[in-house]
Amino acid sequence: MAGGEGGVREAVRKSARKIVTFILFGALGACSKPAQPTGTETQAAEAQKPTGLQSIPAPDPSKYPPVSNMSTWKNPYLMVREEGIGFLDLSNREVHILTMEEIPAELASLPSSAWPYGRVVMVAQTVPKDPTDQTKAELRKNRALLLGTLKELEVEFREAP
């Protein structure tokens, strides 16, 4: 009988070890941090953030003025400049220099009446005052950043003639 009791004790010990091990792993898992989102998950979440521009209808090219008369353009007008992006205020013809970070908020703040052609903007590029390689590079960089921002906002663009 003594041998039988030893076998039962050993079985109880093994079971107890398994239970304790299971409890420790459970406690360890409960104390760990939740998984952090990856860069692509974060970018996808940011891309789905509402910008306020979703209420503006899709562009309607049939409403655009003829290319020969773009001076009558009524939608937002952006100018790529060395020092940033110029936003032309069509009400008073003033140019406001914006950083790339300010563009989404500026476009979203416009009333729906500022978008008669739908969600499309005119993009022009200014001629640099001092056409060095560095200023040309700044213009290319600003243009690429602007077009990338517009794409993220799902805003189409037309090139100024």
N, C-alpha and C. Protein backbone atom coordinates (compact mmCIF):
# COMPACT_ATOMS: atom_id res chain seq x y z
N MET A 1 0.78 -1.19 0.00
CA MET A 1 0.00 0.00 0.00
C MET A 1 0.83 1.26 0.00
N ALA A 2 1.95 1.12 0.63
CA ALA A 2 2.82 2.28 0.68
C ALA A 2 3.23 2.69 -0.71
N GLY A 3 3.44 1.72 -1.61
CA GLY A 3 3.79 2.04 -2.99
C GLY A 3 2.65 2.70 -3.72
N GLY A 4 1.41 2.29 -3.40
CA GLY A 4 0.24 2.88 -4.06
C GLY A 4 0.04 4.32 -3.65
N GLU A 5 0.30 4.60 -2.35
CA GLU A 5 0.15 5.97 -1.87
C GLU A 5 1.19 6.87 -2.52
N GLY A 6 2.39 6.38 -2.72
CA GLY A 6 3.45 7.17 -3.35
C GLY A 6 3.09 7.54 -4.78
N GLY A 7 2.44 6.61 -5.50
CA GLY A 7 2.03 6.88 -6.87
C GLY A 7 0.94 7.93 -6.93
N VAL A 8 0.03 7.86 -5.92
CA VAL A 8 -1.06 8.85 -5.88
C VAL A 8 -0.49 10.22 -5.53
N ARG A 9 0.43 10.25 -4.59
CA ARG A 9 1.05 11.53 -4.21
C ARG A 9 1.79 12.15 -5.40
N GLU A 10 2.51 11.30 -6.10
CA GLU A 10 3.24 11.80 -7.28
C GLU A 10 2.28 12.35 -8.33
N ALA A 11 1.16 11.68 -8.54
CA ALA A 11 0.17 12.14 -9.51
C ALA A 11 -0.44 13.46 -9.06
N VAL A 12 -0.71 13.60 -7.75
CA VAL A 12 -1.28 14.84 -7.22
C VAL A 12 -0.26 15.98 -7.37
N ARG A 13 1.01 15.69 -7.12
CA ARG A 13 2.06 16.70 -7.27
C ARG A 13 2.16 17.19 -8.73
N LYS A 14 2.15 16.26 -9.65
CA LYS A 14 2.22 16.62 -11.08
C LYS A 14 1.03 17.47 -11.47
N SER A 15 -0.14 17.09 -11.01
CA SER A 15 -1.36 17.87 -11.31
C SER A 15 -1.27 19.26 -10.70
N ALA A 16 -0.77 19.32 -9.46
CA ALA A 16 -0.64 20.61 -8.79
C ALA A 16 0.36 21.49 -9.52
N ARG A 17 1.47 20.92 -9.98
CA ARG A 17 2.45 21.69 -10.74
C ARG A 17 1.85 22.24 -12.02
N LYS A 18 1.08 21.39 -12.70
CA LYS A 18 0.45 21.84 -13.94
C LYS A 18 -0.52 22.98 -13.67
N ILE A 19 -1.28 22.88 -12.60
CA ILE A 19 -2.25 23.92 -12.25
C ILE A 19 -1.53 25.22 -11.90
N VAL A 20 -0.47 25.13 -11.09
CA VAL A 20 0.29 26.31 -10.70
C VAL A 20 0.94 26.95 -11.93
N THR A 21 1.51 26.11 -12.81
CA THR A 21 2.12 26.62 -14.03
C THR A 21 1.08 27.34 -14.89
N PHE A 22 -0.07 26.76 -15.03
CA PHE A 22 -1.15 27.36 -15.80
C PHE A 22 -1.56 28.70 -15.19
N ILE A 23 -1.68 28.77 -13.88
CA ILE A 23 -2.08 30.01 -13.20
C ILE A 23 -1.00 31.09 -13.40
N LEU A 24 0.28 30.69 -13.29
CA LEU A 24 1.37 31.66 -13.48
C LEU A 24 1.39 32.21 -14.90
N PHE A 25 1.23 31.33 -15.90
CA PHE A 25 1.18 31.81 -17.28
C PHE A 25 -0.02 32.73 -17.51
N GLY A 26 -1.13 32.41 -16.90
CA GLY A 26 -2.32 33.26 -17.02
C GLY A 26 -2.08 34.63 -16.41
N ALA A 27 -1.45 34.66 -15.23
CA ALA A 27 -1.16 35.92 -14.57
C ALA A 27 -0.14 36.73 -15.38
N LEU A 28 0.85 36.05 -15.93
CA LEU A 28 1.85 36.73 -16.74
C LEU A 28 1.22 37.35 -17.98
N GLY A 29 0.34 36.63 -18.62
CA GLY A 29 -0.35 37.14 -19.80
C GLY A 29 -1.26 38.31 -19.47
N ALA A 30 -1.89 38.28 -18.31
CA ALA A 30 -2.80 39.36 -17.91
C ALA A 30 -2.04 40.64 -17.59
N CYS A 31 -0.79 40.51 -17.17
CA CYS A 31 0.00 41.69 -16.80
C CYS A 31 0.73 42.32 -17.97
N SER A 32 0.78 41.66 -19.10
CA SER A 32 1.53 42.20 -20.23
C SER A 32 0.73 43.29 -20.93
N LYS A 33 1.45 44.17 -21.66
CA LYS A 33 0.82 45.26 -22.40
C LYS A 33 0.07 44.71 -23.60
N PRO A 34 -1.00 45.38 -24.01
CA PRO A 34 -1.66 44.96 -25.25
C PRO A 34 -0.74 45.29 -26.43
N ALA A 35 -0.92 44.58 -27.51
CA ALA A 35 -0.09 44.79 -28.70
C ALA A 35 -0.29 46.20 -29.24
N GLN A 36 0.83 46.85 -29.59
CA GLN A 36 0.77 48.19 -30.15
C GLN A 36 0.49 48.08 -31.65
N PRO A 37 -0.30 49.02 -32.21
CA PRO A 37 -0.57 48.95 -33.65
C PRO A 37 0.71 49.19 -34.44
N THR A 38 0.81 48.54 -35.57
CA THR A 38 1.98 48.72 -36.43
C THR A 38 1.85 50.04 -37.17
N GLY A 39 2.91 50.42 -37.85
CA GLY A 39 2.91 51.68 -38.61
C GLY A 39 1.82 51.71 -39.66
N THR A 40 1.61 50.59 -40.37
CA THR A 40 0.58 50.58 -41.41
C THR A 40 -0.81 50.65 -40.80
N GLU A 41 -1.01 50.02 -39.64
CA GLU A 41 -2.32 50.11 -38.99
C GLU A 41 -2.60 51.54 -38.54
N THR A 42 -1.56 52.20 -38.02
CA THR A 42 -1.71 53.59 -37.59
C THR A 42 -2.01 54.49 -38.78
N GLN A 43 -1.29 54.28 -39.90
CA GLN A 43 -1.53 55.09 -41.10
C GLN A 43 -2.93 54.86 -41.64
N ALA A 44 -3.39 53.62 -41.61
CA ALA A 44 -4.73 53.32 -42.11
C ALA A 44 -5.78 54.00 -41.24
N ALA A 45 -5.56 54.01 -39.93
CA ALA A 45 -6.51 54.67 -39.03
C ALA A 45 -6.52 56.18 -39.27
N GLU A 46 -5.33 56.76 -39.50
CA GLU A 46 -5.26 58.19 -39.78
C GLU A 46 -5.92 58.53 -41.11
N ALA A 47 -5.75 57.66 -42.08
CA ALA A 47 -6.35 57.90 -43.39
C ALA A 47 -7.87 57.86 -43.32
N GLN A 48 -8.41 57.12 -42.34
CA GLN A 48 -9.86 57.01 -42.22
C GLN A 48 -10.45 58.10 -41.33
N LYS A 49 -9.60 58.94 -40.72
CA LYS A 49 -10.11 60.02 -39.89
C LYS A 49 -10.93 60.97 -40.76
N PRO A 50 -12.07 61.41 -40.27
CA PRO A 50 -12.85 62.35 -41.06
C PRO A 50 -12.13 63.69 -41.15
N THR A 51 -12.13 64.27 -42.33
CA THR A 51 -11.44 65.55 -42.56
C THR A 51 -12.41 66.71 -42.68
N GLY A 52 -13.68 66.41 -42.80
CA GLY A 52 -14.66 67.46 -43.03
C GLY A 52 -14.90 67.70 -44.50
N LEU A 53 -14.09 67.07 -45.35
CA LEU A 53 -14.24 67.27 -46.79
C LEU A 53 -15.15 66.23 -47.44
N GLN A 54 -15.55 65.20 -46.67
CA GLN A 54 -16.38 64.14 -47.23
C GLN A 54 -17.74 64.66 -47.69
N SER A 55 -18.20 65.72 -47.10
CA SER A 55 -19.51 66.26 -47.49
C SER A 55 -19.47 67.00 -48.83
N ILE A 56 -18.26 67.33 -49.30
CA ILE A 56 -18.12 68.00 -50.60
C ILE A 56 -18.28 66.93 -51.68
N PRO A 57 -19.12 67.18 -52.68
CA PRO A 57 -19.31 66.16 -53.73
C PRO A 57 -18.04 65.91 -54.54
N ALA A 58 -18.05 64.80 -55.23
CA ALA A 58 -16.93 64.46 -56.12
C ALA A 58 -16.80 65.52 -57.21
N PRO A 59 -15.61 65.67 -57.78
CA PRO A 59 -15.42 66.68 -58.84
C PRO A 59 -16.32 66.43 -60.05
N ASP A 60 -16.78 67.51 -60.64
CA ASP A 60 -17.62 67.43 -61.83
C ASP A 60 -16.96 68.24 -62.94
N PRO A 61 -16.14 67.58 -63.78
CA PRO A 61 -15.41 68.30 -64.83
C PRO A 61 -16.30 69.08 -65.80
N SER A 62 -17.56 68.70 -65.92
CA SER A 62 -18.45 69.43 -66.83
C SER A 62 -18.70 70.85 -66.33
N LYS A 63 -18.43 71.13 -65.06
CA LYS A 63 -18.64 72.47 -64.50
C LYS A 63 -17.39 73.34 -64.57
N TYR A 64 -16.22 72.75 -64.88
CA TYR A 64 -14.98 73.51 -64.91
C TYR A 64 -15.05 74.56 -66.02
N PRO A 65 -14.41 75.72 -65.81
CA PRO A 65 -14.33 76.70 -66.89
C PRO A 65 -13.38 76.20 -67.98
N PRO A 66 -13.46 76.76 -69.19
CA PRO A 66 -12.55 76.34 -70.26
C PRO A 66 -11.09 76.62 -69.86
N VAL A 67 -10.19 75.78 -70.32
CA VAL A 67 -8.77 75.93 -69.99
C VAL A 67 -8.25 77.29 -70.41
N SER A 68 -8.79 77.85 -71.49
CA SER A 68 -8.33 79.16 -71.96
C SER A 68 -8.75 80.30 -71.02
N ASN A 69 -9.67 80.03 -70.08
CA ASN A 69 -10.17 81.08 -69.20
C ASN A 69 -10.17 80.61 -67.74
N MET A 70 -9.02 80.17 -67.25
CA MET A 70 -8.95 79.68 -65.88
C MET A 70 -9.00 80.80 -64.84
N SER A 71 -9.02 82.04 -65.28
CA SER A 71 -9.11 83.16 -64.33
C SER A 71 -10.48 83.18 -63.66
N THR A 72 -11.43 82.45 -64.21
CA THR A 72 -12.76 82.39 -63.59
C THR A 72 -12.91 81.19 -62.66
N TRP A 73 -11.82 80.52 -62.34
CA TRP A 73 -11.84 79.36 -61.43
C TRP A 73 -12.41 79.78 -60.08
N LYS A 74 -13.35 79.02 -59.55
CA LYS A 74 -14.03 79.39 -58.30
C LYS A 74 -13.70 78.47 -57.13
N ASN A 75 -13.09 77.34 -57.38
CA ASN A 75 -12.71 76.44 -56.29
C ASN A 75 -11.39 76.91 -55.66
N PRO A 76 -10.97 76.27 -54.57
CA PRO A 76 -9.69 76.66 -53.95
C PRO A 76 -8.53 76.62 -54.93
N TYR A 77 -7.61 77.55 -54.74
CA TYR A 77 -6.47 77.73 -55.63
C TYR A 77 -5.21 77.71 -54.76
N LEU A 78 -4.31 76.78 -55.03
CA LEU A 78 -3.08 76.63 -54.25
C LEU A 78 -1.87 76.87 -55.14
N MET A 79 -0.86 77.55 -54.60
CA MET A 79 0.35 77.85 -55.35
C MET A 79 1.56 77.27 -54.62
N VAL A 80 2.31 76.46 -55.34
CA VAL A 80 3.54 75.89 -54.78
C VAL A 80 4.60 76.98 -54.81
N ARG A 81 5.13 77.29 -53.64
CA ARG A 81 6.15 78.33 -53.52
C ARG A 81 7.35 77.76 -52.77
N GLU A 82 8.45 78.49 -52.83
CA GLU A 82 9.66 78.04 -52.13
C GLU A 82 9.43 77.92 -50.63
N GLU A 83 8.72 78.89 -50.07
CA GLU A 83 8.56 78.97 -48.61
C GLU A 83 7.34 78.20 -48.10
N GLY A 84 6.61 77.55 -48.94
CA GLY A 84 5.44 76.79 -48.52
C GLY A 84 4.40 76.75 -49.62
N ILE A 85 3.15 76.71 -49.20
CA ILE A 85 2.04 76.66 -50.15
C ILE A 85 1.23 77.93 -50.00
N GLY A 86 1.03 78.61 -51.11
CA GLY A 86 0.20 79.81 -51.10
C GLY A 86 -1.25 79.43 -51.33
N PHE A 87 -2.12 79.91 -50.47
CA PHE A 87 -3.56 79.69 -50.60
C PHE A 87 -4.16 81.01 -51.04
N LEU A 88 -4.73 81.03 -52.24
CA LEU A 88 -5.31 82.27 -52.78
C LEU A 88 -6.73 82.43 -52.25
N ASP A 89 -6.93 83.51 -51.51
CA ASP A 89 -8.27 83.85 -51.03
C ASP A 89 -8.98 84.53 -52.19
N LEU A 90 -9.93 83.84 -52.80
CA LEU A 90 -10.60 84.35 -54.00
C LEU A 90 -11.47 85.58 -53.72
N SER A 91 -11.85 85.79 -52.46
CA SER A 91 -12.71 86.94 -52.16
C SER A 91 -11.94 88.26 -52.24
N ASN A 92 -10.65 88.25 -51.92
CA ASN A 92 -9.89 89.50 -51.95
C ASN A 92 -8.55 89.37 -52.69
N ARG A 93 -8.31 88.22 -53.29
CA ARG A 93 -7.11 87.94 -54.08
C ARG A 93 -5.82 88.01 -53.25
N GLU A 94 -5.92 87.79 -51.95
CA GLU A 94 -4.73 87.75 -51.09
C GLU A 94 -4.19 86.33 -51.05
N VAL A 95 -2.88 86.21 -50.97
CA VAL A 95 -2.23 84.91 -50.85
C VAL A 95 -1.78 84.73 -49.41
N HIS A 96 -2.20 83.63 -48.80
CA HIS A 96 -1.80 83.29 -47.44
C HIS A 96 -0.85 82.11 -47.53
N ILE A 97 0.34 82.24 -46.95
CA ILE A 97 1.33 81.16 -46.98
C ILE A 97 1.01 80.17 -45.87
N LEU A 98 0.87 78.89 -46.25
CA LEU A 98 0.53 77.83 -45.30
C LEU A 98 1.66 76.80 -45.24
N THR A 99 1.74 76.14 -44.10
CA THR A 99 2.62 74.98 -44.00
C THR A 99 1.81 73.77 -44.47
N MET A 100 2.49 72.68 -44.72
CA MET A 100 1.79 71.46 -45.17
C MET A 100 0.76 71.00 -44.13
N GLU A 101 1.10 71.18 -42.86
CA GLU A 101 0.21 70.74 -41.79
C GLU A 101 -1.07 71.56 -41.73
N GLU A 102 -1.05 72.79 -42.23
CA GLU A 102 -2.22 73.67 -42.16
C GLU A 102 -3.19 73.45 -43.32
N ILE A 103 -2.75 72.80 -44.38
CA ILE A 103 -3.59 72.66 -45.58
C ILE A 103 -4.89 71.90 -45.31
N PRO A 104 -4.87 70.73 -44.66
CA PRO A 104 -6.14 70.03 -44.43
C PRO A 104 -7.16 70.87 -43.67
N ALA A 105 -6.72 71.53 -42.61
CA ALA A 105 -7.65 72.35 -41.82
C ALA A 105 -8.17 73.53 -42.63
N GLU A 106 -7.30 74.14 -43.42
CA GLU A 106 -7.71 75.30 -44.24
C GLU A 106 -8.77 74.88 -45.25
N LEU A 107 -8.55 73.77 -45.94
CA LEU A 107 -9.52 73.30 -46.93
C LEU A 107 -10.82 72.88 -46.26
N ALA A 108 -10.71 72.22 -45.11
CA ALA A 108 -11.91 71.76 -44.40
C ALA A 108 -12.73 72.93 -43.84
N SER A 109 -12.07 74.06 -43.58
CA SER A 109 -12.77 75.21 -43.00
C SER A 109 -13.59 75.98 -44.04
N LEU A 110 -13.36 75.70 -45.31
CA LEU A 110 -14.08 76.42 -46.36
C LEU A 110 -15.54 75.98 -46.41
N PRO A 111 -16.44 76.91 -46.67
CA PRO A 111 -17.86 76.52 -46.79
C PRO A 111 -18.08 75.72 -48.07
N SER A 112 -19.16 74.98 -48.13
CA SER A 112 -19.45 74.16 -49.31
C SER A 112 -19.61 75.04 -50.56
N SER A 113 -19.97 76.30 -50.37
CA SER A 113 -20.11 77.21 -51.52
C SER A 113 -18.76 77.50 -52.19
N ALA A 114 -17.65 77.21 -51.49
CA ALA A 114 -16.32 77.43 -52.06
C ALA A 114 -15.90 76.29 -52.97
N TRP A 115 -16.77 75.29 -53.13
CA TRP A 115 -16.47 74.09 -53.92
C TRP A 115 -17.51 73.88 -55.02
N PRO A 116 -17.77 74.86 -55.89
CA PRO A 116 -18.83 74.68 -56.90
C PRO A 116 -18.53 73.57 -57.91
N TYR A 117 -17.26 73.22 -58.10
CA TYR A 117 -16.91 72.16 -59.07
C TYR A 117 -16.73 70.80 -58.39
N GLY A 118 -16.98 70.75 -57.10
CA GLY A 118 -16.76 69.51 -56.36
C GLY A 118 -15.40 69.55 -55.67
N ARG A 119 -14.94 68.40 -55.22
CA ARG A 119 -13.71 68.29 -54.42
C ARG A 119 -12.47 68.28 -55.32
N VAL A 120 -12.18 69.46 -55.88
CA VAL A 120 -11.02 69.64 -56.77
C VAL A 120 -10.43 71.02 -56.52
N VAL A 121 -9.10 71.13 -56.57
CA VAL A 121 -8.42 72.40 -56.40
C VAL A 121 -7.54 72.67 -57.62
N MET A 122 -7.22 73.93 -57.82
CA MET A 122 -6.28 74.33 -58.86
C MET A 122 -4.90 74.42 -58.20
N VAL A 123 -3.89 73.87 -58.86
CA VAL A 123 -2.52 73.92 -58.35
C VAL A 123 -1.64 74.60 -59.40
N ALA A 124 -0.94 75.64 -58.95
CA ALA A 124 0.01 76.35 -59.82
C ALA A 124 1.36 76.33 -59.13
N GLN A 125 2.39 76.56 -59.89
CA GLN A 125 3.73 76.64 -59.32
C GLN A 125 4.32 77.98 -59.67
N THR A 126 4.81 78.69 -58.66
CA THR A 126 5.39 80.00 -58.90
C THR A 126 6.79 79.86 -59.48
N VAL A 127 7.23 80.91 -60.13
CA VAL A 127 8.58 80.95 -60.68
C VAL A 127 9.48 81.47 -59.56
N PRO A 128 10.56 80.75 -59.26
CA PRO A 128 11.42 81.20 -58.16
C PRO A 128 12.10 82.52 -58.46
N LYS A 129 12.25 83.34 -57.42
CA LYS A 129 12.93 84.64 -57.58
C LYS A 129 14.41 84.42 -57.91
N ASP A 130 14.98 83.41 -57.26
CA ASP A 130 16.39 83.08 -57.45
C ASP A 130 16.46 81.60 -57.85
N PRO A 131 16.44 81.31 -59.15
CA PRO A 131 16.33 79.91 -59.58
C PRO A 131 17.61 79.09 -59.40
N THR A 132 18.03 78.91 -58.16
CA THR A 132 19.19 78.06 -57.88
C THR A 132 18.72 76.62 -57.80
N ASP A 133 19.68 75.71 -57.76
CA ASP A 133 19.33 74.29 -57.63
C ASP A 133 18.57 74.05 -56.33
N GLN A 134 18.95 74.77 -55.27
CA GLN A 134 18.30 74.57 -53.98
C GLN A 134 16.84 75.04 -54.02
N THR A 135 16.56 76.20 -54.62
CA THR A 135 15.18 76.68 -54.68
C THR A 135 14.33 75.78 -55.57
N LYS A 136 14.93 75.27 -56.64
CA LYS A 136 14.19 74.33 -57.49
C LYS A 136 13.88 73.05 -56.73
N ALA A 137 14.82 72.60 -55.91
CA ALA A 137 14.60 71.39 -55.10
C ALA A 137 13.50 71.64 -54.07
N GLU A 138 13.48 72.84 -53.47
CA GLU A 138 12.43 73.18 -52.49
C GLU A 138 11.06 73.18 -53.16
N LEU A 139 10.98 73.73 -54.37
CA LEU A 139 9.71 73.73 -55.11
C LEU A 139 9.25 72.30 -55.40
N ARG A 140 10.17 71.45 -55.85
CA ARG A 140 9.81 70.05 -56.14
C ARG A 140 9.33 69.34 -54.88
N LYS A 141 10.04 69.57 -53.77
CA LYS A 141 9.66 68.95 -52.50
C LYS A 141 8.28 69.42 -52.06
N ASN A 142 8.05 70.73 -52.09
CA ASN A 142 6.76 71.28 -51.67
C ASN A 142 5.62 70.78 -52.57
N ARG A 143 5.89 70.69 -53.85
CA ARG A 143 4.87 70.19 -54.78
C ARG A 143 4.52 68.74 -54.47
N ALA A 144 5.55 67.92 -54.26
CA ALA A 144 5.31 66.50 -53.96
C ALA A 144 4.54 66.35 -52.64
N LEU A 145 4.90 67.12 -51.63
CA LEU A 145 4.19 67.06 -50.35
C LEU A 145 2.74 67.52 -50.49
N LEU A 146 2.53 68.59 -51.28
CA LEU A 146 1.17 69.08 -51.49
C LEU A 146 0.32 68.03 -52.20
N LEU A 147 0.83 67.47 -53.29
CA LEU A 147 0.05 66.48 -54.03
C LEU A 147 -0.21 65.23 -53.19
N GLY A 148 0.74 64.85 -52.35
CA GLY A 148 0.52 63.73 -51.44
C GLY A 148 -0.55 64.04 -50.42
N THR A 149 -0.55 65.25 -49.89
CA THR A 149 -1.57 65.67 -48.93
C THR A 149 -2.95 65.67 -49.59
N LEU A 150 -3.03 66.20 -50.80
CA LEU A 150 -4.32 66.22 -51.51
C LEU A 150 -4.82 64.81 -51.77
N LYS A 151 -3.92 63.91 -52.10
CA LYS A 151 -4.32 62.52 -52.34
C LYS A 151 -4.87 61.89 -51.07
N GLU A 152 -4.20 62.12 -49.94
CA GLU A 152 -4.68 61.60 -48.66
C GLU A 152 -6.06 62.16 -48.32
N LEU A 153 -6.30 63.41 -48.68
CA LEU A 153 -7.59 64.05 -48.41
C LEU A 153 -8.66 63.69 -49.44
N GLU A 154 -8.25 62.94 -50.46
CA GLU A 154 -9.14 62.57 -51.57
C GLU A 154 -9.68 63.81 -52.28
N VAL A 155 -8.77 64.77 -52.46
CA VAL A 155 -9.08 65.99 -53.20
C VAL A 155 -8.29 65.93 -54.50
N GLU A 156 -8.99 66.02 -55.63
CA GLU A 156 -8.33 66.01 -56.92
C GLU A 156 -7.74 67.39 -57.19
N PHE A 157 -6.86 67.46 -58.18
CA PHE A 157 -6.28 68.76 -58.53
C PHE A 157 -6.21 68.91 -60.04
N ARG A 158 -6.23 70.15 -60.46
CA ARG A 158 -6.03 70.52 -61.87
C ARG A 158 -4.77 71.38 -61.91
N GLU A 159 -4.03 71.23 -62.98
CA GLU A 159 -2.82 72.04 -63.18
C GLU A 159 -3.20 73.38 -63.79
N ALA A 160 -2.67 74.45 -63.23
CA ALA A 160 -2.90 75.76 -63.83
C ALA A 160 -2.10 75.83 -65.13
N PRO A 161 -2.66 76.43 -66.16
CA PRO A 161 -1.94 76.54 -67.44
C PRO A 161 -0.75 77.47 -67.31
